[in-house]
């Protein structure tokens, strides 16, 4: 039995995260630290930060979210993009790790007190790609029992995240969540047209939302 790409990502992330929990040196080498990128050109930190997490709860939340959406999105990519599906899914995830942090980096180039870690931005890209492709899928906030369809959950999440990002404070990088989510949507739409797949994600989304209210 072969392991799916999502499970492989989860295993790699979990192993390195657990290694870093008890290893401050490793954590320091992998964490997103803008001054080291600016001054020492350690660009790898845009990606390596997604392999470590603050604690087990942070890791579990991200990896469970990825587990629930990853295979669904990968399967959809295989239908849309054919043999390139899994590769493009992996490219989206890995590139989202960096893209979601560009605004954070530009804001904190010389901020010696700023650090960020976790795969939340890339996981957001996967989740919002899932919402784009399966807008009727039920979702809930923070394990609340009330579930709402993805096309309602998505905008609400983005509005709340944008507000929290503007307000600032706390230790959560809401900017990464926001830009990761938007990147996942744009990535899927652009590639669907660029590779001439014949699949229009926007039309598909609108039709699914319309069908929800009709039925």
Protein backbone atom coordinates (compact mmCIF):
# COMPACT_ATOMS: atom_id res chain seq x y z
CA UNK A 1 0.00 0.00 0.00
CA UNK A 2 1.59 3.29 -1.12
CA UNK A 3 1.38 6.44 0.93
CA UNK A 4 -0.47 9.40 -0.56
CA UNK A 5 1.31 12.71 -1.00
CA UNK A 6 -0.71 14.34 1.80
CA UNK A 7 0.26 11.63 4.29
CA UNK A 8 3.91 12.00 3.25
CA UNK A 9 3.75 15.77 3.88
CA UNK A 10 2.14 15.15 7.27
CA UNK A 11 4.75 12.55 8.29
CA UNK A 12 7.69 14.75 7.27
CA UNK A 13 6.22 17.79 9.01
CA UNK A 14 5.37 15.85 12.18
CA UNK A 15 8.81 14.21 12.43
CA UNK A 16 10.72 17.49 12.01
CA UNK A 17 8.33 19.34 14.32
CA UNK A 18 8.84 16.77 17.08
CA UNK A 19 12.61 16.93 16.57
CA UNK A 20 12.49 20.71 16.96
CA UNK A 21 10.30 20.64 20.09
CA UNK A 22 13.28 19.55 22.16
CA UNK A 23 16.02 21.15 20.09
CA UNK A 24 16.28 24.93 20.35
CA UNK A 25 19.17 25.04 17.88
CA UNK A 26 17.19 23.24 15.19
CA UNK A 27 14.15 25.41 15.87
CA UNK A 28 16.27 28.55 15.50
CA UNK A 29 17.74 27.35 12.20
CA UNK A 30 14.35 26.59 10.64
CA UNK A 31 12.10 29.34 12.00
CA UNK A 32 11.03 32.29 9.83
CA UNK A 33 13.29 35.13 10.98
CA UNK A 34 13.23 38.09 8.54
CA UNK A 35 16.57 39.69 9.54
CA UNK A 36 18.46 36.48 8.70
CA UNK A 37 16.77 36.44 5.30
CA UNK A 38 17.61 40.09 4.68
CA UNK A 39 21.18 40.08 5.93
CA UNK A 40 22.33 36.49 5.50
CA UNK A 41 20.22 35.60 2.46
CA UNK A 42 18.76 32.55 4.22
CA UNK A 43 15.85 32.29 1.81
CA UNK A 44 15.23 28.69 2.77
CA UNK A 45 13.48 29.99 5.90
CA UNK A 46 10.45 30.84 3.74
CA UNK A 47 9.97 27.08 3.39
CA UNK A 48 11.60 25.53 6.45
CA UNK A 49 9.32 27.37 8.87
CA UNK A 50 6.45 25.21 7.61
CA UNK A 51 8.17 22.12 8.97
CA UNK A 52 8.10 23.27 12.60
CA UNK A 53 5.33 24.22 15.00
CA UNK A 54 4.99 25.94 18.37
CA UNK A 55 3.59 22.91 20.20
CA UNK A 56 1.69 19.66 19.71
CA UNK A 57 -1.67 21.46 19.57
CA UNK A 58 -0.46 23.77 16.80
CA UNK A 59 0.94 20.80 14.86
CA UNK A 60 -2.18 18.68 15.35
CA UNK A 61 -4.55 21.42 14.24
CA UNK A 62 -2.63 22.10 11.03
CA UNK A 63 -2.03 18.47 10.12
CA UNK A 64 -5.61 17.41 10.84
CA UNK A 65 -6.87 20.24 8.64
CA UNK A 66 -4.47 19.16 5.90
CA UNK A 67 -5.51 15.53 6.31
CA UNK A 68 -9.21 16.32 5.90
CA UNK A 69 -8.72 18.46 2.78
CA UNK A 70 -5.48 17.26 1.21
CA UNK A 71 -6.56 14.06 -0.49
CA UNK A 72 -9.80 15.69 -1.61
CA UNK A 73 -7.92 18.51 -3.33
CA UNK A 74 -5.27 16.16 -4.73
CA UNK A 75 -7.96 13.93 -6.24
CA UNK A 76 -9.67 16.96 -7.76
CA UNK A 77 -6.35 18.14 -9.22
CA UNK A 78 -5.83 14.72 -10.77
CA UNK A 79 -9.23 15.01 -12.45
CA UNK A 80 -8.58 18.55 -13.64
CA UNK A 81 -4.90 18.36 -14.58
CA UNK A 82 -4.51 14.67 -15.33
CA UNK A 83 -1.05 13.19 -14.73
CA UNK A 84 0.22 16.57 -13.51
CA UNK A 85 -2.38 16.70 -10.74
CA UNK A 86 -0.35 15.41 -7.80
CA UNK A 87 2.76 17.34 -8.84
CA UNK A 88 0.78 20.58 -9.08
CA UNK A 89 -0.85 19.89 -5.72
CA UNK A 90 2.61 19.50 -4.17
CA UNK A 91 3.89 22.62 -5.94
CA UNK A 92 0.92 24.61 -4.64
CA UNK A 93 1.52 23.47 -1.07
CA UNK A 94 5.27 24.09 -1.07
CA UNK A 95 5.08 27.43 -2.90
CA UNK A 96 2.27 28.57 -0.57
CA UNK A 97 4.66 28.19 2.37
CA UNK A 98 6.74 31.01 0.90
CA UNK A 99 4.14 33.13 -0.90
CA UNK A 100 1.96 33.55 2.19
CA UNK A 101 4.92 35.06 4.05
CA UNK A 102 5.98 37.66 1.50
CA UNK A 103 3.81 40.44 3.05
CA UNK A 104 5.09 39.43 6.50
CA UNK A 105 8.68 39.60 5.30
CA UNK A 106 8.25 43.01 3.66
CA UNK A 107 6.79 44.35 6.89
CA UNK A 108 9.42 42.83 9.18
CA UNK A 109 12.68 42.86 7.19
CA UNK A 110 14.61 44.47 10.01
CA UNK A 111 12.44 43.43 12.93
CA UNK A 112 14.79 41.54 15.26
CA UNK A 113 11.93 40.58 17.55
CA UNK A 114 9.76 38.92 14.92
CA UNK A 115 9.57 35.17 14.34
CA UNK A 116 6.96 32.97 12.71
CA UNK A 117 6.52 29.24 12.27
CA UNK A 118 4.01 26.65 11.14
CA UNK A 119 2.36 25.38 7.99
CA UNK A 120 -0.85 27.37 8.48
CA UNK A 121 -0.46 29.44 5.31
CA UNK A 122 0.04 26.40 3.07
CA UNK A 123 -2.78 24.53 4.82
CA UNK A 124 -5.03 27.54 4.23
CA UNK A 125 -4.16 27.35 0.52
CA UNK A 126 -5.29 23.72 0.44
CA UNK A 127 -8.47 24.40 2.43
CA UNK A 128 -9.54 27.32 0.24
CA UNK A 129 -8.77 25.40 -2.92
CA UNK A 130 -11.10 22.77 -1.48
CA UNK A 131 -13.76 25.42 -0.86
CA UNK A 132 -13.37 26.68 -4.44
CA UNK A 133 -13.78 23.17 -5.89
CA UNK A 134 -16.32 21.87 -3.34
CA UNK A 135 -18.23 24.97 -2.18
CA UNK A 136 -21.07 22.97 -0.66
CA UNK A 137 -18.79 21.00 1.67
CA UNK A 138 -19.79 21.62 5.33
CA UNK A 139 -17.24 23.38 7.55
CA UNK A 140 -17.19 24.74 11.09
CA UNK A 141 -15.11 27.18 13.14
CA UNK A 142 -12.76 25.72 15.76
CA UNK A 143 -14.61 22.44 16.26
CA UNK A 144 -17.96 24.12 16.90
CA UNK A 145 -20.91 21.78 16.26
CA UNK A 146 -22.58 24.20 13.85
CA UNK A 147 -21.55 23.48 10.26
CA UNK A 148 -22.04 25.81 7.31
CA UNK A 149 -21.30 25.32 3.60
CA UNK A 150 -17.83 26.26 2.41
CA UNK A 151 -19.00 29.15 0.23
CA UNK A 152 -20.31 30.86 3.39
CA UNK A 153 -17.48 29.74 5.68
CA UNK A 154 -14.81 31.01 3.27
CA UNK A 155 -15.81 34.68 3.09
CA UNK A 156 -16.52 34.79 6.83
CA UNK A 157 -13.10 33.35 7.59
CA UNK A 158 -11.37 35.81 5.27
CA UNK A 159 -13.22 38.78 6.78
CA UNK A 160 -12.39 37.71 10.35
CA UNK A 161 -8.77 36.97 9.44
CA UNK A 162 -8.34 40.31 7.65
CA UNK A 163 -9.76 42.10 10.70
CA UNK A 164 -7.48 40.26 13.13
CA UNK A 165 -4.49 40.91 10.87
CA UNK A 166 -5.27 44.65 10.74
CA UNK A 167 -5.79 44.80 14.51
CA UNK A 168 -2.46 43.11 15.16
CA UNK A 169 -1.23 41.79 18.46
CA UNK A 170 -1.11 38.20 19.62
CA UNK A 171 1.21 35.48 18.39
CA UNK A 172 -0.74 34.25 15.36
CA UNK A 173 0.36 35.30 11.89
CA UNK A 174 -3.08 36.08 10.45
CA UNK A 175 -1.45 37.59 7.38
CA UNK A 176 -0.06 34.17 6.40
CA UNK A 177 -3.51 32.61 6.77
CA UNK A 178 -5.09 35.30 4.63
CA UNK A 179 -2.53 35.31 1.83
CA UNK A 180 -2.23 31.53 1.86
CA UNK A 181 -5.98 31.18 1.36
CA UNK A 182 -6.03 33.71 -1.49
CA UNK A 183 -2.98 32.11 -3.10
CA UNK A 184 -4.64 28.69 -3.19
CA UNK A 185 -7.64 30.12 -5.01
CA UNK A 186 -5.56 32.12 -7.51
CA UNK A 187 -3.18 29.21 -8.13
CA UNK A 188 -6.04 26.89 -9.06
CA UNK A 189 -7.85 29.39 -11.26
CA UNK A 190 -4.74 30.56 -13.13
CA UNK A 191 -3.45 27.05 -13.83
CA UNK A 192 -6.88 25.82 -14.93
CA UNK A 193 -6.88 28.44 -17.67
CA UNK A 194 -3.14 28.46 -18.40
CA UNK A 195 -3.02 24.70 -18.99
CA UNK A 196 -6.25 24.83 -21.01
CA UNK A 197 -7.92 22.10 -19.00
CA UNK A 198 -11.41 22.99 -20.16
CA UNK A 199 -12.41 23.35 -16.52
CA UNK A 200 -13.56 26.77 -15.31
CA UNK A 201 -13.29 26.92 -11.49
CA UNK A 202 -15.28 30.16 -11.30
CA UNK A 203 -18.21 28.83 -13.31
CA UNK A 204 -18.07 25.58 -11.35
CA UNK A 205 -18.18 27.50 -8.06
CA UNK A 206 -21.09 29.70 -9.09
CA UNK A 207 -23.06 26.74 -10.42
CA UNK A 208 -22.51 24.78 -7.20
CA UNK A 209 -23.67 27.71 -5.05
CA UNK A 210 -26.73 28.21 -7.25
CA UNK A 211 -27.51 24.50 -7.02
CA UNK A 212 -27.32 24.65 -3.24
CA UNK A 213 -30.13 27.20 -3.04
CA UNK A 214 -32.23 25.57 -5.74
CA UNK A 215 -32.12 22.17 -4.10
